[in-house]
Amino acid sequence: MTPLLSVLEIADPKIYTLIVVILASQAMLQHRRISLLEHQVQVLRRQQNGEEVISPEVKTMAKDPKKQIAAMVLHRKQNPRMTIADAKWDIENLS
């Protein structure tokens, strides 16, 4: 078996492409995690202030396991800047 560095030269563009792809995917994952945490903090603040985070219609739909996906879709329609992961988190963490 030939070592990777002996097969690819240091100036080989494949190495740079691989490094860029790895770094970009890590950055996207970090961004997604931060975005979800920001959403969770925002929800907790709204709950502390006594605001409704989820509409009553979405809450009733979310109680039925067969309608949970429809509840997420409706929740996203009511909150246009919300991601799918944010809506899923809200539905799963109804209090």
C-alpha atoms as a PDB file:
ATOM      1  CA  MET A   1       0.000   0.000   0.000  1.00  0.00           C
ATOM      2  CA  THR A   2       1.391   3.393  -1.009  1.00  0.00           C
ATOM      3  CA  PRO A   3       1.173   6.269   1.471  1.00  0.00           C
ATOM      4  CA  LEU A   4      -1.156   9.075   0.440  1.00  0.00           C
ATOM      5  CA  LEU A   5       1.521  11.773   0.488  1.00  0.00           C
ATOM      6  CA  SER A   6       3.759   9.852  -1.879  1.00  0.00           C
ATOM      7  CA  VAL A   7       0.915   9.481  -4.387  1.00  0.00           C
ATOM      8  CA  LEU A   8      -0.238  13.102  -4.253  1.00  0.00           C
ATOM      9  CA  GLU A   9       2.256  15.889  -4.552  1.00  0.00           C
ATOM     10  CA  ILE A  10       1.957  18.857  -2.211  1.00  0.00           C
ATOM     11  CA  ALA A  11       1.055  21.121  -5.138  1.00  0.00           C
ATOM     12  CA  ASP A  12      -1.680  18.750  -6.300  1.00  0.00           C
ATOM     13  CA  PRO A  13      -5.024  20.632  -6.545  1.00  0.00           C
ATOM     14  CA  LYS A  14      -6.857  17.562  -5.243  1.00  0.00           C
ATOM     15  CA  ILE A  15      -5.341  18.086  -1.811  1.00  0.00           C
ATOM     16  CA  TYR A  16      -6.449  21.710  -1.687  1.00  0.00           C
ATOM     17  CA  THR A  17      -9.922  20.815  -2.918  1.00  0.00           C
ATOM     18  CA  LEU A  18     -10.250  18.136  -0.247  1.00  0.00           C
ATOM     19  CA  ILE A  19      -9.109  20.524   2.483  1.00  0.00           C
ATOM     20  CA  VAL A  20     -11.546  23.226   1.342  1.00  0.00           C
ATOM     21  CA  VAL A  21     -14.444  20.763   1.234  1.00  0.00           C
ATOM     22  CA  ILE A  22     -13.686  19.491   4.735  1.00  0.00           C
ATOM     23  CA  LEU A  23     -13.358  22.988   6.180  1.00  0.00           C
ATOM     24  CA  ALA A  24     -16.522  24.211   4.440  1.00  0.00           C
ATOM     25  CA  SER A  25     -18.582  21.293   5.726  1.00  0.00           C
ATOM     26  CA  GLN A  26     -17.328  21.878   9.265  1.00  0.00           C
ATOM     27  CA  ALA A  27     -18.193  25.573   9.002  1.00  0.00           C
ATOM     28  CA  MET A  28     -21.713  24.745   7.791  1.00  0.00           C
ATOM     29  CA  LEU A  29     -22.251  22.364  10.710  1.00  0.00           C
ATOM     30  CA  GLN A  30     -21.048  24.980  13.190  1.00  0.00           C
ATOM     31  CA  HIS A  31     -23.346  27.595  11.642  1.00  0.00           C
ATOM     32  CA  ARG A  32     -26.331  25.233  11.877  1.00  0.00           C
ATOM     33  CA  ARG A  33     -25.617  24.431  15.531  1.00  0.00           C
ATOM     34  CA  ILE A  34     -25.289  28.117  16.414  1.00  0.00           C
ATOM     35  CA  SER A  35     -28.492  28.937  14.539  1.00  0.00           C
ATOM     36  CA  LEU A  36     -30.444  26.255  16.398  1.00  0.00           C
ATOM     37  CA  LEU A  37     -29.082  27.431  19.760  1.00  0.00           C
ATOM     38  CA  GLU A  38     -30.039  31.027  18.940  1.00  0.00           C
ATOM     39  CA  HIS A  39     -33.559  29.897  18.120  1.00  0.00           C
ATOM     40  CA  GLN A  40     -33.835  27.951  21.366  1.00  0.00           C
ATOM     41  CA  VAL A  41     -32.700  30.965  23.392  1.00  0.00           C
ATOM     42  CA  GLN A  42     -35.200  33.171  21.565  1.00  0.00           C
ATOM     43  CA  VAL A  43     -38.029  30.721  22.320  1.00  0.00           C
ATOM     44  CA  LEU A  44     -37.085  30.575  26.005  1.00  0.00           C
ATOM     45  CA  ARG A  45     -37.021  34.386  26.224  1.00  0.00           C
ATOM     46  CA  ARG A  46     -40.439  34.633  24.601  1.00  0.00           C
ATOM     47  CA  GLN A  47     -41.821  32.046  27.023  1.00  0.00           C
ATOM     48  CA  GLN A  48     -40.405  33.949  29.997  1.00  0.00           C
ATOM     49  CA  ASN A  49     -42.106  37.117  28.757  1.00  0.00           C
ATOM     50  CA  GLY A  50     -45.412  35.251  28.561  1.00  0.00           C
ATOM     51  CA  GLU A  51     -45.650  35.367  24.766  1.00  0.00           C
ATOM     52  CA  GLU A  52     -47.208  32.578  22.735  1.00  0.00           C
ATOM     53  CA  VAL A  53     -44.434  30.779  20.890  1.00  0.00           C
ATOM     54  CA  ILE A  54     -46.696  28.350  19.074  1.00  0.00           C
ATOM     55  CA  SER A  55     -50.211  29.124  17.907  1.00  0.00           C
ATOM     56  CA  PRO A  56     -53.123  27.166  19.436  1.00  0.00           C
ATOM     57  CA  GLU A  57     -53.903  25.658  16.025  1.00  0.00           C
ATOM     58  CA  VAL A  58     -50.386  24.240  15.729  1.00  0.00           C
ATOM     59  CA  LYS A  59     -50.549  22.926  19.297  1.00  0.00           C
ATOM     60  CA  THR A  60     -53.755  20.996  18.608  1.00  0.00           C
ATOM     61  CA  MET A  61     -52.299  19.535  15.412  1.00  0.00           C
ATOM     62  CA  ALA A  62     -49.059  18.579  17.176  1.00  0.00           C
ATOM     63  CA  LYS A  63     -50.915  16.491  19.772  1.00  0.00           C
ATOM     64  CA  ASP A  64     -51.918  14.014  17.050  1.00  0.00           C
ATOM     65  CA  PRO A  65     -48.817  12.022  15.975  1.00  0.00           C
ATOM     66  CA  LYS A  66     -50.235  11.657  12.452  1.00  0.00           C
ATOM     67  CA  LYS A  67     -50.466  15.448  12.058  1.00  0.00           C
ATOM     68  CA  GLN A  68     -47.094  16.454  13.521  1.00  0.00           C
ATOM     69  CA  ILE A  69     -45.480  17.025  10.127  1.00  0.00           C
ATOM     70  CA  ALA A  70     -48.438  19.173   9.062  1.00  0.00           C
ATOM     71  CA  ALA A  71     -48.058  21.072  12.345  1.00  0.00           C
ATOM     72  CA  MET A  72     -44.391  21.754  11.548  1.00  0.00           C
ATOM     73  CA  VAL A  73     -45.303  22.990   8.066  1.00  0.00           C
ATOM     74  CA  LEU A  74     -47.991  25.307   9.455  1.00  0.00           C
ATOM     75  CA  HIS A  75     -45.635  26.547  12.178  1.00  0.00           C
ATOM     76  CA  ARG A  76     -43.051  27.410   9.523  1.00  0.00           C
ATOM     77  CA  LYS A  77     -45.693  29.230   7.440  1.00  0.00           C
ATOM     78  CA  GLN A  78     -46.601  31.307  10.470  1.00  0.00           C
ATOM     79  CA  ASN A  79     -42.895  32.057  11.111  1.00  0.00           C
ATOM     80  CA  PRO A  80     -41.265  32.576   7.687  1.00  0.00           C
ATOM     81  CA  ARG A  81     -37.665  32.856   8.919  1.00  0.00           C
ATOM     82  CA  MET A  82     -37.853  29.546  10.777  1.00  0.00           C
ATOM     83  CA  THR A  83     -35.930  26.506   9.573  1.00  0.00           C
ATOM     84  CA  ILE A  84     -37.240  22.955   9.523  1.00  0.00           C
ATOM     85  CA  ALA A  85     -34.993  22.035  12.460  1.00  0.00           C
ATOM     86  CA  ASP A  86     -36.343  24.980  14.480  1.00  0.00           C
ATOM     87  CA  ALA A  87     -39.952  23.985  13.787  1.00  0.00           C
ATOM     88  CA  LYS A  88     -39.192  20.358  14.668  1.00  0.00           C
ATOM     89  CA  TRP A  89     -37.570  21.432  17.933  1.00  0.00           C
ATOM     90  CA  ASP A  90     -40.588  23.598  18.815  1.00  0.00           C
ATOM     91  CA  ILE A  91     -43.080  20.806  18.106  1.00  0.00           C
ATOM     92  CA  GLU A  92     -41.060  18.186  19.995  1.00  0.00           C
ATOM     93  CA  ASN A  93     -40.602  20.469  23.016  1.00  0.00           C
ATOM     94  CA  LEU A  94     -44.154  21.659  23.541  1.00  0.00           C
ATOM     95  CA  SER A  95     -44.715  22.321  27.199  1.00  0.00           C
END
